[in-house]
PDB file of all heavy atoms in Angstrom:
ATOM      1  N   PRO A   1      42.864-101.461   1.796  1.00  0.00           N
ATOM      2  CA  PRO A   1      42.413-102.615   2.574  1.00  0.00           C
ATOM      3  C   PRO A   1      42.939-102.609   3.979  1.00  0.00           C
ATOM      4  O   PRO A   1      43.986-101.999   4.274  1.00  0.00           O
ATOM      5  CB  PRO A   1      43.002-103.789   1.760  1.00  0.00           C
ATOM      6  CG  PRO A   1      44.241-103.208   1.161  1.00  0.00           C
ATOM      7  CD  PRO A   1      43.895-101.787   0.835  1.00  0.00           C
ATOM      8  N   LEU A   2      42.252-103.274   4.852  1.00  0.00           N
ATOM      9  CA  LEU A   2      42.685-103.490   6.215  1.00  0.00           C
ATOM     10  C   LEU A   2      42.827-105.008   6.386  1.00  0.00           C
ATOM     11  O   LEU A   2      41.847-105.739   6.336  1.00  0.00           O
ATOM     12  CB  LEU A   2      41.649-102.955   7.201  1.00  0.00           C
ATOM     13  CG  LEU A   2      41.936-103.186   8.696  1.00  0.00           C
ATOM     14  CD1 LEU A   2      43.181-102.408   9.128  1.00  0.00           C
ATOM     15  CD2 LEU A   2      40.747-102.800   9.581  1.00  0.00           C
ATOM     16  N   VAL A   3      44.044-105.419   6.632  1.00  0.00           N
ATOM     17  CA  VAL A   3      44.296-106.853   6.839  1.00  0.00           C
ATOM     18  C   VAL A   3      44.048-107.187   8.301  1.00  0.00           C
ATOM     19  O   VAL A   3      44.633-106.600   9.192  1.00  0.00           O
ATOM     20  CB  VAL A   3      45.780-107.190   6.442  1.00  0.00           C
ATOM     21  CG1 VAL A   3      46.024-108.677   6.691  1.00  0.00           C
ATOM     22  CG2 VAL A   3      46.023-106.832   4.990  1.00  0.00           C
ATOM     23  N   ASP A   4      43.159-108.162   8.524  1.00  0.00           N
ATOM     24  CA  ASP A   4      42.792-108.538   9.870  1.00  0.00           C
ATOM     25  C   ASP A   4      43.701-109.638  10.390  1.00  0.00           C
ATOM     26  O   ASP A   4      43.589-110.798   9.984  1.00  0.00           O
ATOM     27  CB  ASP A   4      41.322-109.016   9.897  1.00  0.00           C
ATOM     28  CG  ASP A   4      40.834-109.303  11.311  1.00  0.00           C
ATOM     29  OD1 ASP A   4      41.577-108.969  12.267  1.00  0.00           O
ATOM     30  OD2 ASP A   4      39.724-109.813  11.459  1.00  0.00           O
ATOM     31  N   LEU A   5      44.652-109.268  11.266  1.00  0.00           N
ATOM     32  CA  LEU A   5      45.546-110.226  11.858  1.00  0.00           C
ATOM     33  C   LEU A   5      44.992-110.855  13.133  1.00  0.00           C
ATOM     34  O   LEU A   5      45.563-111.831  13.671  1.00  0.00           O
ATOM     35  CB  LEU A   5      46.887-109.557  12.184  1.00  0.00           C
ATOM     36  CG  LEU A   5      47.672-108.966  11.017  1.00  0.00           C
ATOM     37  CD1 LEU A   5      48.970-108.339  11.528  1.00  0.00           C
ATOM     38  CD2 LEU A   5      47.988-110.015   9.959  1.00  0.00           C
ATOM     39  N   GLY A   6      43.867-110.341  13.626  1.00  0.00           N
ATOM     40  CA  GLY A   6      43.296-110.808  14.880  1.00  0.00           C
ATOM     41  C   GLY A   6      43.175-112.326  15.017  1.00  0.00           C
ATOM     42  O   GLY A   6      43.577-112.894  16.022  1.00  0.00           O
ATOM     43  N   PRO A   7      42.620-113.036  13.990  1.00  0.00           N
ATOM     44  CA  PRO A   7      42.462-114.461  14.128  1.00  0.00           C
ATOM     45  C   PRO A   7      43.792-115.225  14.245  1.00  0.00           C
ATOM     46  O   PRO A   7      43.798-116.366  14.671  1.00  0.00           O
ATOM     47  CB  PRO A   7      41.739-114.844  12.812  1.00  0.00           C
ATOM     48  CG  PRO A   7      41.038-113.587  12.393  1.00  0.00           C
ATOM     49  CD  PRO A   7      41.940-112.488  12.792  1.00  0.00           C
ATOM     50  N   GLN A   8      44.901-114.580  13.885  1.00  0.00           N
ATOM     51  CA  GLN A   8      46.198-115.228  13.958  1.00  0.00           C
ATOM     52  C   GLN A   8      46.887-115.020  15.330  1.00  0.00           C
ATOM     53  O   GLN A   8      47.967-115.583  15.567  1.00  0.00           O
ATOM     54  CB  GLN A   8      47.142-114.699  12.866  1.00  0.00           C
ATOM     55  CG  GLN A   8      46.519-114.684  11.493  1.00  0.00           C
ATOM     56  CD  GLN A   8      46.184-116.075  11.007  1.00  0.00           C
ATOM     57  OE1 GLN A   8      46.919-117.012  11.246  1.00  0.00           O
ATOM     58  NE2 GLN A   8      45.054-116.178  10.324  1.00  0.00           N
ATOM     59  N   LEU A   9      46.271-114.231  16.200  1.00  0.00           N
ATOM     60  CA  LEU A   9      46.913-113.834  17.444  1.00  0.00           C
ATOM     61  C   LEU A   9      46.420-114.708  18.601  1.00  0.00           C
ATOM     62  O   LEU A   9      45.455-114.368  19.267  1.00  0.00           O
ATOM     63  CB  LEU A   9      46.682-112.359  17.733  1.00  0.00           C
ATOM     64  CG  LEU A   9      47.081-111.394  16.607  1.00  0.00           C
ATOM     65  CD1 LEU A   9      46.737-109.949  16.990  1.00  0.00           C
ATOM     66  CD2 LEU A   9      48.568-111.522  16.287  1.00  0.00           C
ATOM     67  N   GLY A  10      47.115-115.813  18.824  1.00  0.00           N
ATOM     68  CA  GLY A  10      46.699-116.717  19.882  1.00  0.00           C
ATOM     69  C   GLY A  10      47.139-116.265  21.260  1.00  0.00           C
ATOM     70  O   GLY A  10      46.425-116.440  22.243  1.00  0.00           O
ATOM     71  N   ASP A  11      48.319-115.703  21.386  1.00  0.00           N
ATOM     72  CA  ASP A  11      48.835-115.217  22.652  1.00  0.00           C
ATOM     73  C   ASP A  11      49.739-114.004  22.399  1.00  0.00           C
ATOM     74  O   ASP A  11      49.838-113.522  21.280  1.00  0.00           O
ATOM     75  CB  ASP A  11      49.571-116.330  23.411  1.00  0.00           C
ATOM     76  CG  ASP A  11      50.826-116.829  22.658  1.00  0.00           C
ATOM     77  OD1 ASP A  11      51.197-116.217  21.628  1.00  0.00           O
ATOM     78  OD2 ASP A  11      51.396-117.827  23.063  1.00  0.00           O
ATOM     79  N   PHE A  12      50.359-113.507  23.474  1.00  0.00           N
ATOM     80  CA  PHE A  12      51.170-112.284  23.316  1.00  0.00           C
ATOM     81  C   PHE A  12      52.417-112.557  22.492  1.00  0.00           C
ATOM     82  O   PHE A  12      52.943-111.605  21.856  1.00  0.00           O
ATOM     83  CB  PHE A  12      51.543-111.727  24.677  1.00  0.00           C
ATOM     84  CG  PHE A  12      50.474-110.852  25.261  1.00  0.00           C
ATOM     85  CD1 PHE A  12      49.430-111.426  25.977  1.00  0.00           C
ATOM     86  CD2 PHE A  12      50.483-109.487  25.086  1.00  0.00           C
ATOM     87  CE1 PHE A  12      48.415-110.594  26.507  1.00  0.00           C
ATOM     88  CE2 PHE A  12      49.491-108.673  25.629  1.00  0.00           C
ATOM     89  CZ  PHE A  12      48.456-109.237  26.336  1.00  0.00           C
ATOM     90  N   ALA A  13      52.912-113.763  22.471  1.00  0.00           N
ATOM     91  CA  ALA A  13      54.082-114.049  21.585  1.00  0.00           C
ATOM     92  C   ALA A  13      53.697-113.929  20.136  1.00  0.00           C
ATOM     93  O   ALA A  13      54.536-113.478  19.317  1.00  0.00           O
ATOM     94  CB  ALA A  13      54.626-115.458  21.909  1.00  0.00           C
ATOM     95  N   ASP A  14      52.493-114.302  19.786  1.00  0.00           N
ATOM     96  CA  ASP A  14      51.994-114.094  18.414  1.00  0.00           C
ATOM     97  C   ASP A  14      51.911-112.598  18.078  1.00  0.00           C
ATOM     98  O   ASP A  14      52.316-112.148  17.032  1.00  0.00           O
ATOM     99  CB  ASP A  14      50.636-114.746  18.212  1.00  0.00           C
ATOM    100  CG  ASP A  14      50.705-116.244  18.077  1.00  0.00           C
ATOM    101  OD1 ASP A  14      51.760-116.755  17.687  1.00  0.00           O
ATOM    102  OD2 ASP A  14      49.684-116.927  18.360  1.00  0.00           O
ATOM    103  N   THR A  15      51.334-111.850  19.033  1.00  0.00           N
ATOM    104  CA  THR A  15      51.230-110.398  18.802  1.00  0.00           C
ATOM    105  C   THR A  15      52.597-109.757  18.664  1.00  0.00           C
ATOM    106  O   THR A  15      52.817-108.880  17.820  1.00  0.00           O
ATOM    107  CB  THR A  15      50.458-109.739  19.937  1.00  0.00           C
ATOM    108  OG1 THR A  15      49.181-110.410  20.134  1.00  0.00           O
ATOM    109  CG2 THR A  15      50.193-108.260  19.669  1.00  0.00           C
ATOM    110  N   ALA A  16      53.564-110.222  19.466  1.00  0.00           N
ATOM    111  CA  ALA A  16      54.942-109.713  19.351  1.00  0.00           C
ATOM    112  C   ALA A  16      55.496-110.014  17.976  1.00  0.00           C
ATOM    113  O   ALA A  16      56.172-109.182  17.368  1.00  0.00           O
ATOM    114  CB  ALA A  16      55.832-110.320  20.443  1.00  0.00           C
ATOM    115  N   ALA A  17      55.243-111.200  17.466  1.00  0.00           N
ATOM    116  CA  ALA A  17      55.765-111.600  16.135  1.00  0.00           C
ATOM    117  C   ALA A  17      55.141-110.723  15.064  1.00  0.00           C
ATOM    118  O   ALA A  17      55.827-110.305  14.110  1.00  0.00           O
ATOM    119  CB  ALA A  17      55.444-113.065  15.889  1.00  0.00           C
ATOM    120  N   ALA A  18      53.857-110.405  15.185  1.00  0.00           N
ATOM    121  CA  ALA A  18      53.228-109.521  14.213  1.00  0.00           C
ATOM    122  C   ALA A  18      53.764-108.094  14.309  1.00  0.00           C
ATOM    123  O   ALA A  18      54.110-107.476  13.280  1.00  0.00           O
ATOM    124  CB  ALA A  18      51.714-109.525  14.427  1.00  0.00           C
ATOM    125  N   LEU A  19      53.935-107.610  15.512  1.00  0.00           N
ATOM    126  CA  LEU A  19      54.442-106.258  15.703  1.00  0.00           C
ATOM    127  C   LEU A  19      55.862-106.110  15.142  1.00  0.00           C
ATOM    128  O   LEU A  19      56.228-105.061  14.563  1.00  0.00           O
ATOM    129  CB  LEU A  19      54.458-105.885  17.190  1.00  0.00           C
ATOM    130  CG  LEU A  19      53.122-105.493  17.822  1.00  0.00           C
ATOM    131  CD1 LEU A  19      53.255-105.426  19.335  1.00  0.00           C
ATOM    132  CD2 LEU A  19      52.651-104.161  17.270  1.00  0.00           C
ATOM    133  N   ALA A  20      56.670-107.165  15.258  1.00  0.00           N
ATOM    134  CA  ALA A  20      58.032-107.099  14.769  1.00  0.00           C
ATOM    135  C   ALA A  20      58.132-106.901  13.265  1.00  0.00           C
ATOM    136  O   ALA A  20      59.160-106.470  12.742  1.00  0.00           O
ATOM    137  CB  ALA A  20      58.799-108.361  15.190  1.00  0.00           C
ATOM    138  N   GLY A  21      57.044-107.200  12.558  1.00  0.00           N
ATOM    139  CA  GLY A  21      57.025-107.022  11.117  1.00  0.00           C
ATOM    140  C   GLY A  21      56.371-105.724  10.672  1.00  0.00           C
ATOM    141  O   GLY A  21      56.229-105.472   9.451  1.00  0.00           O
ATOM    142  N   LEU A  22      55.974-104.889  11.617  1.00  0.00           N
ATOM    143  CA  LEU A  22      55.338-103.611  11.289  1.00  0.00           C
ATOM    144  C   LEU A  22      56.311-102.470  11.406  1.00  0.00           C
ATOM    145  O   LEU A  22      57.314-102.536  12.140  1.00  0.00           O
ATOM    146  CB  LEU A  22      54.128-103.378  12.205  1.00  0.00           C
ATOM    147  CG  LEU A  22      52.988-104.376  12.147  1.00  0.00           C
ATOM    148  CD1 LEU A  22      51.937-104.033  13.190  1.00  0.00           C
ATOM    149  CD2 LEU A  22      52.360-104.411  10.747  1.00  0.00           C
ATOM    150  N   ASP A  23      56.025-101.400  10.695  1.00  0.00           N
ATOM    151  CA  ASP A  23      56.821-100.177  10.794  1.00  0.00           C
ATOM    152  C   ASP A  23      56.325 -99.279  11.938  1.00  0.00           C
ATOM    153  O   ASP A  23      57.091 -98.481  12.454  1.00  0.00           O
ATOM    154  CB  ASP A  23      56.753 -99.396   9.484  1.00  0.00           C
ATOM    155  CG  ASP A  23      57.300-100.195   8.320  1.00  0.00           C
ATOM    156  OD1 ASP A  23      58.493-100.558   8.385  1.00  0.00           O
ATOM    157  OD2 ASP A  23      56.545-100.470   7.365  1.00  0.00           O
ATOM    158  N   LEU A  24      55.048 -99.440  12.278  1.00  0.00           N
ATOM    159  CA  LEU A  24      54.453 -98.508  13.252  1.00  0.00           C
ATOM    160  C   LEU A  24      53.156 -99.136  13.777  1.00  0.00           C
ATOM    161  O   LEU A  24      52.463 -99.822  13.017  1.00  0.00           O
ATOM    162  CB  LEU A  24      54.151 -97.163  12.579  1.00  0.00           C
ATOM    163  CG  LEU A  24      53.364 -96.121  13.376  1.00  0.00           C
ATOM    164  CD1 LEU A  24      54.234 -95.568  14.527  1.00  0.00           C
ATOM    165  CD2 LEU A  24      52.918 -94.937  12.465  1.00  0.00           C
ATOM    166  N   LEU A  25      52.824 -98.857  15.040  1.00  0.00           N
ATOM    167  CA  LEU A  25      51.544 -99.206  15.602  1.00  0.00           C
ATOM    168  C   LEU A  25      50.849 -97.940  16.054  1.00  0.00           C
ATOM    169  O   LEU A  25      51.446 -97.079  16.745  1.00  0.00           O
ATOM    170  CB  LEU A  25      51.716-100.149  16.793  1.00  0.00           C
ATOM    171  CG  LEU A  25      50.436-100.484  17.580  1.00  0.00           C
ATOM    172  CD1 LEU A  25      49.501-101.357  16.745  1.00  0.00           C
ATOM    173  CD2 LEU A  25      50.748-101.143  18.913  1.00  0.00           C
ATOM    174  N   VAL A  26      49.576 -97.791  15.704  1.00  0.00           N
ATOM    175  CA  VAL A  26      48.716 -96.723  16.230  1.00  0.00           C
ATOM    176  C   VAL A  26      47.674 -97.408  17.095  1.00  0.00           C
ATOM    177  O   VAL A  26      46.914 -98.263  16.615  1.00  0.00           O
ATOM    178  CB  VAL A  26      48.054 -95.935  15.084  1.00  0.00           C
ATOM    179  CG1 VAL A  26      47.085 -94.887  15.661  1.00  0.00           C
ATOM    180  CG2 VAL A  26      49.092 -95.273  14.213  1.00  0.00           C
ATOM    181  N   THR A  27      47.602 -97.010  18.380  1.00  0.00           N
ATOM    182  CA  THR A  27      46.752 -97.779  19.308  1.00  0.00           C
ATOM    183  C   THR A  27      46.212 -96.882  20.389  1.00  0.00           C
ATOM    184  O   THR A  27      46.760 -95.805  20.682  1.00  0.00           O
ATOM    185  CB  THR A  27      47.548 -98.927  19.962  1.00  0.00           C
ATOM    186  OG1 THR A  27      46.721 -99.608  20.877  1.00  0.00           O
ATOM    187  CG2 THR A  27      48.792 -98.420  20.703  1.00  0.00           C
ATOM    188  N   VAL A  28      45.144 -97.309  20.991  1.00  0.00           N
ATOM    189  CA  VAL A  28      44.680 -96.709  22.254  1.00  0.00           C
ATOM    190  C   VAL A  28      45.485 -97.273  23.410  1.00  0.00           C
ATOM    191  O   VAL A  28      46.361 -98.132  23.196  1.00  0.00           O
ATOM    192  CB  VAL A  28      43.162 -96.982  22.450  1.00  0.00           C
ATOM    193  CG1 VAL A  28      42.336 -96.285  21.370  1.00  0.00           C
ATOM    194  CG2 VAL A  28      42.859 -98.476  22.513  1.00  0.00           C
ATOM    195  N   ASP A  29      45.189 -96.788  24.599  1.00  0.00           N
ATOM    196  CA  ASP A  29      45.941 -97.204  25.785  1.00  0.00           C
ATOM    197  C   ASP A  29      45.515 -98.623  26.216  1.00  0.00           C
ATOM    198  O   ASP A  29      44.552 -98.790  26.979  1.00  0.00           O
ATOM    199  CB  ASP A  29      45.692 -96.217  26.923  1.00  0.00           C
ATOM    200  CG  ASP A  29      46.428 -96.593  28.196  1.00  0.00           C
ATOM    201  OD1 ASP A  29      47.274 -97.490  28.146  1.00  0.00           O
ATOM    202  OD2 ASP A  29      46.154 -95.966  29.246  1.00  0.00           O
ATOM    203  N   THR A  30      46.236 -99.586  25.715  1.00  0.00           N
ATOM    204  CA  THR A  30      45.963-100.984  26.050  1.00  0.00           C
ATOM    205  C   THR A  30      47.262-101.757  26.046  1.00  0.00           C
ATOM    206  O   THR A  30      48.324-101.187  25.792  1.00  0.00           O
ATOM    207  CB  THR A  30      44.919-101.588  25.078  1.00  0.00           C
ATOM    208  OG1 THR A  30      44.538-102.878  25.556  1.00  0.00           O
ATOM    209  CG2 THR A  30      45.457-101.675  23.682  1.00  0.00           C
TER     210      THR A  30
END
């Protein structure tokens, strides 16, 4: 499964909170 966190990301502080709970991010240059 792919869990969609997008709807929970209101601002960059939300994205930071989500990232802090991950082991790794795979991303393009953004």
